[in-house]
C-alpha cells in the first residue's frame, strides 16, 4: 500500500461515508425553498395562456428588472441557501444553481395568466448572485490574509 493511502481513504470516508448525510441535510433548505419558489411561479389560479416570453433586453427593460427589490431579495436568499448547500469553497456552483432556479422561474411563468416571463428578469439573478460570489471571494481573501503569520522585516 502506498504511503499516505490510508489518509486518502480516511478523507474519502469522511466526505462520502459517515458524514455524507450532513451534506444532504445542508442541501435540504435550498432544495425545499427553490422547489417552493418554482411551484409558486408556476401556479395558475387565473388560468393559462399560450407560451409567451418577452425577449426585450433594452436598457429600459433591464432597468425595470433591476428595480425589483422583492425579486432581488428572493434571489439573494436562494444564493445564500445554495452557498450553504455547496459550501463556501464553491461559490461559483452556488452562482450557477441560483441562476438555474431563476431561469426555471421564468420558464414556469411563460404560460401563467397574470405573470410575465421576461428574459430581462434574469439580470437581477446575475447581479445578485455575482455580488454574492464577489463577497465570498473577498471575505475569503481577507480572512486568508489575516491568518497569515507576520513576516519579520527583511530590511535589517
Protein backbone atom coordinates (compact mmCIF):
# COMPACT_ATOMS: atom_id res chain seq x y z
CA UNK A 1 0.00 0.00 0.00
CA UNK A 2 1.49 3.40 -0.99
CA UNK A 3 2.45 5.88 1.68
CA UNK A 4 -0.43 8.20 2.55
CA UNK A 5 -3.09 5.89 1.08
CA UNK A 6 -4.67 5.43 4.50
CA UNK A 7 -5.09 9.18 4.92
CA UNK A 8 -6.69 9.50 1.48
CA UNK A 9 -9.07 6.65 2.26
CA UNK A 10 -9.99 8.24 5.58
CA UNK A 11 -10.61 11.59 3.90
CA UNK A 12 -12.80 9.91 1.28
CA UNK A 13 -14.72 8.09 4.00
CA UNK A 14 -15.29 11.35 5.86
CA UNK A 15 -16.57 13.10 2.73
CA UNK A 16 -18.80 10.35 1.40
CA UNK A 17 -19.43 7.80 4.11
CA UNK A 18 -20.05 8.70 7.68
CA UNK A 19 -20.74 12.37 7.09
CA UNK A 20 -22.47 12.09 3.70
CA UNK A 21 -25.76 12.68 5.49
CA UNK A 22 -24.52 16.10 6.62
CA UNK A 23 -24.11 17.21 3.01
CA UNK A 24 -27.66 16.07 2.27
CA UNK A 25 -29.03 17.96 5.24
CA UNK A 26 -27.09 21.09 4.19
CA UNK A 27 -28.73 20.93 0.75
CA UNK A 28 -32.25 20.40 2.07
CA UNK A 29 -33.14 24.08 2.71
CA UNK A 30 -32.02 25.04 -0.81
CA UNK A 31 -33.94 22.21 -2.46
CA UNK A 32 -37.13 22.91 -0.47
CA UNK A 33 -37.04 26.70 -0.93
CA UNK A 34 -36.17 26.52 -4.64
CA UNK A 35 -38.93 23.96 -5.22
CA UNK A 36 -41.50 26.10 -3.42
CA UNK A 37 -40.46 29.20 -5.38
CA UNK A 38 -40.73 27.36 -8.69
CA UNK A 39 -44.08 25.91 -7.67
CA UNK A 40 -45.32 29.40 -6.78
CA UNK A 41 -44.12 30.80 -10.12
CA UNK A 42 -45.93 28.01 -11.99
CA UNK A 43 -49.20 28.28 -10.06
CA UNK A 44 -52.00 29.42 -12.32
CA UNK A 45 -55.03 30.40 -10.24
CA UNK A 46 -56.28 32.62 -13.09
CA UNK A 47 -55.61 30.03 -15.78
CA UNK A 48 -53.06 29.61 -18.52
CA UNK A 49 -52.34 31.24 -21.86
CA UNK A 50 -50.15 30.24 -24.80
CA UNK A 51 -46.37 30.29 -24.32
CA UNK A 52 -45.17 33.89 -24.09
CA UNK A 53 -41.65 35.07 -23.28
CA UNK A 54 -40.66 38.73 -23.59
CA UNK A 55 -37.20 38.83 -25.12
CA UNK A 56 -36.72 42.60 -24.80
CA UNK A 57 -33.33 43.32 -23.22
CA UNK A 58 -33.28 47.05 -23.88
CA UNK A 59 -31.75 49.35 -21.26
CA UNK A 60 -35.26 50.30 -20.12
CA UNK A 61 -36.26 46.64 -19.65
CA UNK A 62 -33.05 45.90 -17.75
CA UNK A 63 -33.52 49.00 -15.58
CA UNK A 64 -37.07 47.88 -14.75
CA UNK A 65 -35.83 44.38 -13.87
CA UNK A 66 -33.05 45.75 -11.66
CA UNK A 67 -35.52 47.80 -9.59
CA UNK A 68 -37.50 44.76 -8.43
CA UNK A 69 -36.28 44.65 -4.82
CA UNK A 70 -38.54 41.76 -3.82
CA UNK A 71 -37.18 39.66 -6.68
CA UNK A 72 -33.60 40.56 -5.77
CA UNK A 73 -34.20 39.72 -2.10
CA UNK A 74 -35.50 36.27 -3.00
CA UNK A 75 -32.55 35.72 -5.35
CA UNK A 76 -30.17 36.68 -2.52
CA UNK A 77 -31.86 34.15 -0.24
CA UNK A 78 -31.64 31.46 -2.93
CA UNK A 79 -27.93 32.25 -3.34
CA UNK A 80 -27.31 32.03 0.42
CA UNK A 81 -29.12 28.69 0.63
CA UNK A 82 -27.21 27.41 -2.42
CA UNK A 83 -23.97 28.54 -0.79
CA UNK A 84 -24.96 26.67 2.37
CA UNK A 85 -25.70 23.59 0.26
CA UNK A 86 -22.44 23.54 -1.71
CA UNK A 87 -20.09 25.12 0.84
CA UNK A 88 -18.04 28.29 0.95
CA UNK A 89 -15.31 26.73 -1.15
CA UNK A 90 -17.58 26.56 -4.23
CA UNK A 91 -19.33 29.93 -4.66
CA UNK A 92 -19.36 29.53 -8.46
CA UNK A 93 -21.54 26.43 -8.12
CA UNK A 94 -23.91 28.43 -5.91
CA UNK A 95 -23.95 31.10 -8.66
CA UNK A 96 -24.89 28.50 -11.29
CA UNK A 97 -27.57 26.93 -9.08
CA UNK A 98 -29.09 30.34 -8.30
CA UNK A 99 -29.27 31.28 -11.96
CA UNK A 100 -30.71 27.86 -12.84
CA UNK A 101 -33.52 28.46 -10.33
CA UNK A 102 -34.10 31.94 -11.82
CA UNK A 103 -34.25 30.55 -15.36
CA UNK A 104 -36.71 27.91 -14.20
CA UNK A 105 -38.88 30.65 -12.63
CA UNK A 106 -39.06 32.49 -15.91
CA UNK A 107 -39.85 29.32 -17.88
CA UNK A 108 -42.53 28.39 -15.34
CA UNK A 109 -44.18 31.80 -15.78
CA UNK A 110 -44.40 31.62 -19.58
CA UNK A 111 -47.95 30.22 -19.63
CA UNK A 112 -49.36 31.70 -16.41
CA UNK A 113 -52.03 34.39 -16.68
CA UNK A 114 -51.04 37.39 -14.55
CA UNK A 115 -47.31 36.58 -14.63
CA UNK A 116 -44.88 37.97 -17.16
CA UNK A 117 -41.87 35.93 -18.19
CA UNK A 118 -39.07 38.21 -19.34
CA UNK A 119 -35.50 37.48 -20.35
CA UNK A 120 -34.55 40.81 -18.74
CA UNK A 121 -35.67 39.41 -15.36
CA UNK A 122 -32.58 37.20 -15.42
CA UNK A 123 -30.38 40.30 -14.97
CA UNK A 124 -31.08 40.67 -11.22
CA UNK A 125 -30.20 36.99 -10.77
CA UNK A 126 -26.80 37.51 -12.36
CA UNK A 127 -26.17 40.77 -10.47
CA UNK A 128 -27.18 39.47 -7.03
CA UNK A 129 -25.51 36.07 -7.37
CA UNK A 130 -22.41 37.68 -8.89
CA UNK A 131 -22.29 40.11 -5.97
CA UNK A 132 -22.60 37.16 -3.61
CA UNK A 133 -19.68 35.39 -5.29
CA UNK A 134 -17.61 38.59 -5.10
CA UNK A 135 -18.47 38.99 -1.40
CA UNK A 136 -17.48 35.38 -0.61
CA UNK A 137 -14.21 35.61 -2.53
CA UNK A 138 -13.37 38.95 -0.91
CA UNK A 139 -14.14 37.64 2.58
CA UNK A 140 -12.02 34.54 1.96
CA UNK A 141 -9.09 36.66 0.76
CA UNK A 142 -9.34 38.96 3.80
CA UNK A 143 -9.51 36.02 6.19
CA UNK A 144 -6.61 34.28 4.47
CA UNK A 145 -4.52 37.45 4.76
CA UNK A 146 -5.46 37.91 8.43
CA UNK A 147 -4.44 34.32 9.25
CA UNK A 148 -1.07 34.65 7.53
CA UNK A 149 1.71 34.87 10.09
CA UNK A 150 3.51 38.16 10.31
CA UNK A 151 6.84 38.11 8.48
CA UNK A 152 9.82 39.77 10.07
CA UNK A 153 11.11 42.86 8.33
CA UNK A 154 13.67 41.71 5.74
CA UNK A 155 15.47 45.05 5.50
CA UNK A 156 17.67 44.50 8.54
